[in-house]
Amino acid sequence: MGDESYKDLQERMDNPPLSWCPQGIPDGFDPDKCITGAEIFGTIEAIEDRQSTFGPWRMVVVIDAQDRRVGIAGLGNVLVKRFATLEVGQRIGVRYLGRKPSSIEGAEDYYDYSVVVG
């Protein structure tokens, strides 16, 4: 295999995806590397299984309508469940619905999302 066979990997490594930040730009984040807005749509390019102190989650990288690579962090119970069966190549739309009170007494509020796959 020549160097050309890895060119796509080099390109992705040199140009990491932007981050979808539906709740606004987090403190310390570079605003040029963050896409704000309540909705994101794209075709899934890659899915990475990750682990945190709160448990497993998925980073879903999409190619959006502007041909940008955008990472959607599948953190929190809602997105962990909705991202569990995603596959590369699927079209996806994610809408941030805001912070909602838990239906479980004594439990913390949660961040709610709507996810559609086509």
N, C-alpha and C. Protein backbone atom coordinates (compact mmCIF):
# COMPACT_ATOMS: atom_id res chain seq x y z
N MET A 1 0.83 -1.18 0.00
CA MET A 1 0.00 0.00 0.00
C MET A 1 0.87 1.24 0.00
N GLY A 2 0.51 2.17 -0.84
CA GLY A 2 1.23 3.43 -0.89
C GLY A 2 0.63 4.44 0.08
N ASP A 3 1.29 5.57 0.16
CA ASP A 3 0.82 6.63 1.05
C ASP A 3 -0.58 7.11 0.71
N GLU A 4 -0.99 7.01 -0.56
CA GLU A 4 -2.31 7.47 -0.99
C GLU A 4 -3.43 6.71 -0.29
N SER A 5 -3.20 5.45 0.08
CA SER A 5 -4.26 4.65 0.70
C SER A 5 -4.64 5.16 2.08
N TYR A 6 -3.80 6.01 2.67
CA TYR A 6 -4.08 6.54 4.00
C TYR A 6 -4.40 8.03 3.98
N LYS A 7 -4.52 8.58 2.78
CA LYS A 7 -4.72 10.02 2.65
C LYS A 7 -6.00 10.49 3.37
N ASP A 8 -7.08 9.72 3.26
CA ASP A 8 -8.33 10.11 3.92
C ASP A 8 -8.17 10.14 5.44
N LEU A 9 -7.41 9.19 5.98
CA LEU A 9 -7.16 9.17 7.42
C LEU A 9 -6.32 10.36 7.86
N GLN A 10 -5.32 10.68 7.06
CA GLN A 10 -4.48 11.84 7.36
C GLN A 10 -5.32 13.11 7.35
N GLU A 11 -6.20 13.24 6.37
CA GLU A 11 -7.08 14.41 6.26
C GLU A 11 -7.97 14.54 7.50
N ARG A 12 -8.56 13.43 7.93
CA ARG A 12 -9.43 13.47 9.12
C ARG A 12 -8.63 13.78 10.37
N MET A 13 -7.42 13.26 10.46
CA MET A 13 -6.57 13.53 11.62
C MET A 13 -6.16 14.99 11.67
N ASP A 14 -5.83 15.56 10.52
CA ASP A 14 -5.41 16.96 10.44
C ASP A 14 -6.56 17.94 10.64
N ASN A 15 -7.78 17.47 10.40
CA ASN A 15 -8.96 18.34 10.48
C ASN A 15 -10.03 17.68 11.34
N PRO A 16 -9.87 17.71 12.66
CA PRO A 16 -10.86 17.07 13.53
C PRO A 16 -12.23 17.74 13.37
N PRO A 17 -13.28 17.02 13.70
CA PRO A 17 -14.62 17.59 13.53
C PRO A 17 -14.87 18.78 14.46
N LEU A 18 -15.77 19.65 14.00
CA LEU A 18 -16.28 20.70 14.87
C LEU A 18 -17.15 20.02 15.94
N SER A 19 -17.47 20.72 16.99
CA SER A 19 -18.34 20.18 18.05
C SER A 19 -19.71 20.84 17.97
N TRP A 20 -20.77 20.04 18.11
CA TRP A 20 -22.11 20.60 18.20
C TRP A 20 -22.34 21.00 19.65
N CYS A 21 -22.65 22.27 19.87
CA CYS A 21 -22.83 22.84 21.22
C CYS A 21 -24.22 23.47 21.31
N PRO A 22 -25.27 22.67 21.47
CA PRO A 22 -26.63 23.23 21.44
C PRO A 22 -26.96 24.13 22.62
N GLN A 23 -26.21 24.02 23.70
CA GLN A 23 -26.48 24.83 24.89
C GLN A 23 -25.59 26.08 24.93
N GLY A 24 -24.92 26.37 23.83
CA GLY A 24 -24.00 27.50 23.78
C GLY A 24 -22.56 27.02 23.90
N ILE A 25 -21.65 27.93 23.71
CA ILE A 25 -20.23 27.59 23.71
C ILE A 25 -19.75 27.44 25.15
N PRO A 26 -19.25 26.26 25.52
CA PRO A 26 -18.78 26.05 26.89
C PRO A 26 -17.56 26.92 27.21
N ASP A 27 -17.41 27.24 28.48
CA ASP A 27 -16.24 28.00 28.92
C ASP A 27 -14.96 27.30 28.47
N GLY A 28 -14.04 28.06 27.95
CA GLY A 28 -12.75 27.53 27.53
C GLY A 28 -12.75 26.92 26.14
N PHE A 29 -13.91 26.84 25.50
CA PHE A 29 -14.01 26.27 24.16
C PHE A 29 -13.68 27.32 23.13
N ASP A 30 -13.01 26.94 22.07
CA ASP A 30 -12.73 27.84 20.95
C ASP A 30 -14.02 27.99 20.15
N PRO A 31 -14.59 29.22 20.08
CA PRO A 31 -15.85 29.41 19.36
C PRO A 31 -15.79 29.01 17.89
N ASP A 32 -14.60 29.04 17.30
CA ASP A 32 -14.45 28.65 15.90
C ASP A 32 -14.54 27.15 15.70
N LYS A 33 -14.52 26.40 16.78
CA LYS A 33 -14.58 24.93 16.69
C LYS A 33 -15.90 24.38 17.20
N CYS A 34 -16.88 25.28 17.35
CA CYS A 34 -18.16 24.90 17.91
C CYS A 34 -19.30 25.40 17.04
N ILE A 35 -20.27 24.54 16.79
CA ILE A 35 -21.47 24.92 16.05
C ILE A 35 -22.60 24.98 17.07
N THR A 36 -23.22 26.15 17.18
CA THR A 36 -24.35 26.30 18.09
C THR A 36 -25.64 26.17 17.31
N GLY A 37 -26.73 26.13 18.00
CA GLY A 37 -28.04 25.98 17.37
C GLY A 37 -28.73 24.76 17.94
N ALA A 38 -30.05 24.79 17.95
CA ALA A 38 -30.83 23.72 18.59
C ALA A 38 -30.90 22.44 17.76
N GLU A 39 -30.55 22.52 16.46
CA GLU A 39 -30.68 21.34 15.60
C GLU A 39 -29.41 21.09 14.81
N ILE A 40 -29.19 19.83 14.51
CA ILE A 40 -28.09 19.42 13.63
C ILE A 40 -28.60 18.26 12.78
N PHE A 41 -28.27 18.30 11.50
CA PHE A 41 -28.64 17.24 10.57
C PHE A 41 -27.41 16.82 9.78
N GLY A 42 -27.30 15.55 9.46
CA GLY A 42 -26.18 15.10 8.66
C GLY A 42 -26.22 13.61 8.40
N THR A 43 -25.22 13.16 7.67
CA THR A 43 -25.03 11.74 7.39
C THR A 43 -23.88 11.24 8.26
N ILE A 44 -24.11 10.14 8.94
CA ILE A 44 -23.11 9.62 9.87
C ILE A 44 -21.88 9.11 9.13
N GLU A 45 -20.73 9.71 9.45
CA GLU A 45 -19.46 9.33 8.85
C GLU A 45 -18.72 8.33 9.73
N ALA A 46 -18.82 8.51 11.05
CA ALA A 46 -18.09 7.65 11.98
C ALA A 46 -18.80 7.62 13.33
N ILE A 47 -18.60 6.52 14.03
CA ILE A 47 -19.12 6.37 15.39
C ILE A 47 -17.99 5.83 16.25
N GLU A 48 -17.71 6.51 17.34
CA GLU A 48 -16.66 6.07 18.26
C GLU A 48 -17.28 5.76 19.61
N ASP A 49 -17.05 4.56 20.09
CA ASP A 49 -17.50 4.20 21.43
C ASP A 49 -16.48 4.71 22.43
N ARG A 50 -16.96 5.43 23.44
CA ARG A 50 -16.07 6.02 24.44
C ARG A 50 -16.56 5.67 25.84
N GLN A 51 -15.70 5.94 26.80
CA GLN A 51 -16.01 5.62 28.20
C GLN A 51 -15.73 6.85 29.05
N SER A 52 -16.60 7.14 29.99
CA SER A 52 -16.37 8.22 30.95
C SER A 52 -16.64 7.68 32.35
N THR A 53 -16.46 8.52 33.34
CA THR A 53 -16.75 8.09 34.72
C THR A 53 -18.23 7.81 34.90
N PHE A 54 -19.08 8.31 33.99
CA PHE A 54 -20.52 8.08 34.07
C PHE A 54 -20.96 6.88 33.26
N GLY A 55 -20.03 6.26 32.54
CA GLY A 55 -20.37 5.08 31.76
C GLY A 55 -20.06 5.26 30.28
N PRO A 56 -20.45 4.27 29.47
CA PRO A 56 -20.15 4.32 28.04
C PRO A 56 -21.03 5.34 27.32
N TRP A 57 -20.49 5.89 26.24
CA TRP A 57 -21.23 6.81 25.39
C TRP A 57 -20.63 6.78 24.00
N ARG A 58 -21.32 7.40 23.03
CA ARG A 58 -20.86 7.38 21.65
C ARG A 58 -20.65 8.80 21.13
N MET A 59 -19.55 8.98 20.42
CA MET A 59 -19.32 10.20 19.66
C MET A 59 -19.73 9.89 18.23
N VAL A 60 -20.70 10.62 17.72
CA VAL A 60 -21.19 10.42 16.36
C VAL A 60 -20.71 11.60 15.52
N VAL A 61 -19.97 11.31 14.47
CA VAL A 61 -19.48 12.35 13.57
C VAL A 61 -20.32 12.31 12.31
N VAL A 62 -20.90 13.48 11.97
CA VAL A 62 -21.73 13.58 10.78
C VAL A 62 -21.11 14.56 9.79
N ILE A 63 -21.50 14.41 8.54
CA ILE A 63 -21.21 15.40 7.50
C ILE A 63 -22.52 16.16 7.33
N ASP A 64 -22.51 17.47 7.66
CA ASP A 64 -23.74 18.25 7.61
C ASP A 64 -23.99 18.81 6.21
N ALA A 65 -25.07 19.58 6.06
CA ALA A 65 -25.47 20.12 4.75
C ALA A 65 -24.43 21.08 4.17
N GLN A 66 -23.59 21.67 5.03
CA GLN A 66 -22.53 22.56 4.56
C GLN A 66 -21.22 21.81 4.32
N ASP A 67 -21.30 20.47 4.33
CA ASP A 67 -20.15 19.59 4.10
C ASP A 67 -19.08 19.72 5.18
N ARG A 68 -19.52 20.02 6.41
CA ARG A 68 -18.60 20.10 7.55
C ARG A 68 -18.70 18.82 8.35
N ARG A 69 -17.57 18.40 8.91
CA ARG A 69 -17.56 17.28 9.85
C ARG A 69 -17.91 17.83 11.23
N VAL A 70 -18.94 17.27 11.85
CA VAL A 70 -19.41 17.77 13.14
C VAL A 70 -19.59 16.60 14.10
N GLY A 71 -18.99 16.70 15.29
CA GLY A 71 -19.12 15.68 16.31
C GLY A 71 -20.29 15.96 17.23
N ILE A 72 -21.10 14.95 17.47
CA ILE A 72 -22.23 15.03 18.39
C ILE A 72 -21.93 14.08 19.53
N ALA A 73 -21.72 14.64 20.72
CA ALA A 73 -21.40 13.82 21.89
C ALA A 73 -22.69 13.21 22.45
N GLY A 74 -22.77 11.91 22.42
CA GLY A 74 -23.95 11.20 22.91
C GLY A 74 -23.91 10.98 24.40
N LEU A 75 -23.83 12.06 25.14
CA LEU A 75 -23.76 12.00 26.60
C LEU A 75 -25.16 12.13 27.20
N GLY A 76 -25.35 11.62 28.39
CA GLY A 76 -26.65 11.69 29.06
C GLY A 76 -27.52 10.52 28.66
N ASN A 77 -28.46 10.20 29.52
CA ASN A 77 -29.31 9.02 29.31
C ASN A 77 -30.07 9.06 27.99
N VAL A 78 -30.60 10.22 27.63
CA VAL A 78 -31.43 10.30 26.42
C VAL A 78 -30.61 9.95 25.18
N LEU A 79 -29.46 10.61 25.00
CA LEU A 79 -28.67 10.35 23.79
C LEU A 79 -27.96 9.00 23.84
N VAL A 80 -27.57 8.53 25.01
CA VAL A 80 -26.96 7.20 25.11
C VAL A 80 -27.93 6.16 24.54
N LYS A 81 -29.19 6.24 24.94
CA LYS A 81 -30.20 5.28 24.46
C LYS A 81 -30.47 5.45 22.97
N ARG A 82 -30.61 6.69 22.53
CA ARG A 82 -30.99 6.93 21.13
C ARG A 82 -29.84 6.71 20.16
N PHE A 83 -28.61 6.78 20.63
CA PHE A 83 -27.44 6.56 19.76
C PHE A 83 -27.01 5.09 19.75
N ALA A 84 -27.60 4.25 20.57
CA ALA A 84 -27.14 2.86 20.74
C ALA A 84 -27.18 2.04 19.46
N THR A 85 -28.13 2.30 18.60
CA THR A 85 -28.30 1.45 17.41
C THR A 85 -27.93 2.15 16.11
N LEU A 86 -27.31 3.33 16.20
CA LEU A 86 -26.94 4.05 14.98
C LEU A 86 -25.86 3.31 14.20
N GLU A 87 -25.85 3.55 12.89
CA GLU A 87 -24.86 2.94 12.01
C GLU A 87 -24.30 4.00 11.06
N VAL A 88 -23.05 3.80 10.68
CA VAL A 88 -22.41 4.68 9.70
C VAL A 88 -23.23 4.65 8.41
N GLY A 89 -23.41 5.83 7.80
CA GLY A 89 -24.15 5.95 6.55
C GLY A 89 -25.60 6.40 6.74
N GLN A 90 -26.12 6.27 7.94
CA GLN A 90 -27.49 6.71 8.19
C GLN A 90 -27.56 8.24 8.22
N ARG A 91 -28.72 8.78 7.84
CA ARG A 91 -28.98 10.20 8.00
C ARG A 91 -29.59 10.40 9.37
N ILE A 92 -29.21 11.51 10.03
CA ILE A 92 -29.68 11.74 11.39
C ILE A 92 -29.99 13.22 11.58
N GLY A 93 -30.98 13.47 12.40
CA GLY A 93 -31.30 14.82 12.86
C GLY A 93 -31.43 14.77 14.37
N VAL A 94 -30.83 15.74 15.04
CA VAL A 94 -30.90 15.81 16.49
C VAL A 94 -31.35 17.22 16.86
N ARG A 95 -32.36 17.30 17.72
CA ARG A 95 -32.86 18.59 18.20
C ARG A 95 -32.77 18.63 19.72
N TYR A 96 -32.15 19.68 20.23
CA TYR A 96 -32.07 19.90 21.68
C TYR A 96 -33.39 20.51 22.14
N LEU A 97 -34.03 19.86 23.11
CA LEU A 97 -35.34 20.29 23.61
C LEU A 97 -35.26 21.02 24.95
N GLY A 98 -34.08 21.11 25.50
CA GLY A 98 -33.91 21.83 26.76
C GLY A 98 -33.79 20.93 27.97
N ARG A 99 -33.63 21.58 29.08
CA ARG A 99 -33.50 20.87 30.36
C ARG A 99 -34.90 20.62 30.91
N LYS A 100 -35.16 19.38 31.31
CA LYS A 100 -36.50 18.97 31.75
C LYS A 100 -36.43 18.38 33.16
N PRO A 101 -37.49 18.56 33.93
CA PRO A 101 -37.52 17.94 35.26
C PRO A 101 -37.71 16.42 35.12
N SER A 102 -37.05 15.69 35.96
CA SER A 102 -37.16 14.24 35.94
C SER A 102 -38.53 13.81 36.46
N SER A 103 -39.04 12.73 35.92
CA SER A 103 -40.31 12.18 36.42
C SER A 103 -40.07 11.31 37.65
N ILE A 104 -38.82 11.10 37.98
CA ILE A 104 -38.46 10.29 39.15
C ILE A 104 -38.20 11.24 40.32
N GLU A 105 -38.95 11.08 41.37
CA GLU A 105 -38.82 11.97 42.52
C GLU A 105 -37.40 11.91 43.09
N GLY A 106 -36.83 13.09 43.31
CA GLY A 106 -35.49 13.19 43.88
C GLY A 106 -34.37 13.12 42.85
N ALA A 107 -34.71 12.77 41.61
CA ALA A 107 -33.68 12.70 40.57
C ALA A 107 -33.44 14.09 39.98
N GLU A 108 -32.23 14.29 39.45
CA GLU A 108 -31.87 15.57 38.85
C GLU A 108 -32.60 15.79 37.52
N ASP A 109 -32.70 17.06 37.13
CA ASP A 109 -33.21 17.38 35.80
C ASP A 109 -32.33 16.71 34.75
N TYR A 110 -32.85 16.58 33.55
CA TYR A 110 -32.08 15.97 32.47
C TYR A 110 -32.18 16.83 31.22
N TYR A 111 -31.27 16.61 30.26
CA TYR A 111 -31.27 17.31 28.99
C TYR A 111 -32.00 16.42 27.99
N ASP A 112 -33.03 16.98 27.35
CA ASP A 112 -33.87 16.20 26.46
C ASP A 112 -33.55 16.52 24.99
N TYR A 113 -33.65 15.50 24.15
CA TYR A 113 -33.36 15.62 22.73
C TYR A 113 -34.38 14.81 21.95
N SER A 114 -34.64 15.25 20.73
CA SER A 114 -35.39 14.46 19.77
C SER A 114 -34.39 13.99 18.72
N VAL A 115 -34.46 12.72 18.36
CA VAL A 115 -33.54 12.15 17.38
C VAL A 115 -34.36 11.44 16.31
N VAL A 116 -34.09 11.77 15.05
CA VAL A 116 -34.73 11.07 13.93
C VAL A 116 -33.64 10.48 13.04
N VAL A 117 -33.92 9.30 12.53
CA VAL A 117 -32.95 8.60 11.68
C VAL A 117 -33.68 8.19 10.40
N GLY A 118 -33.02 8.39 9.28
CA GLY A 118 -33.65 8.04 8.01
C GLY A 118 -32.66 7.48 7.04
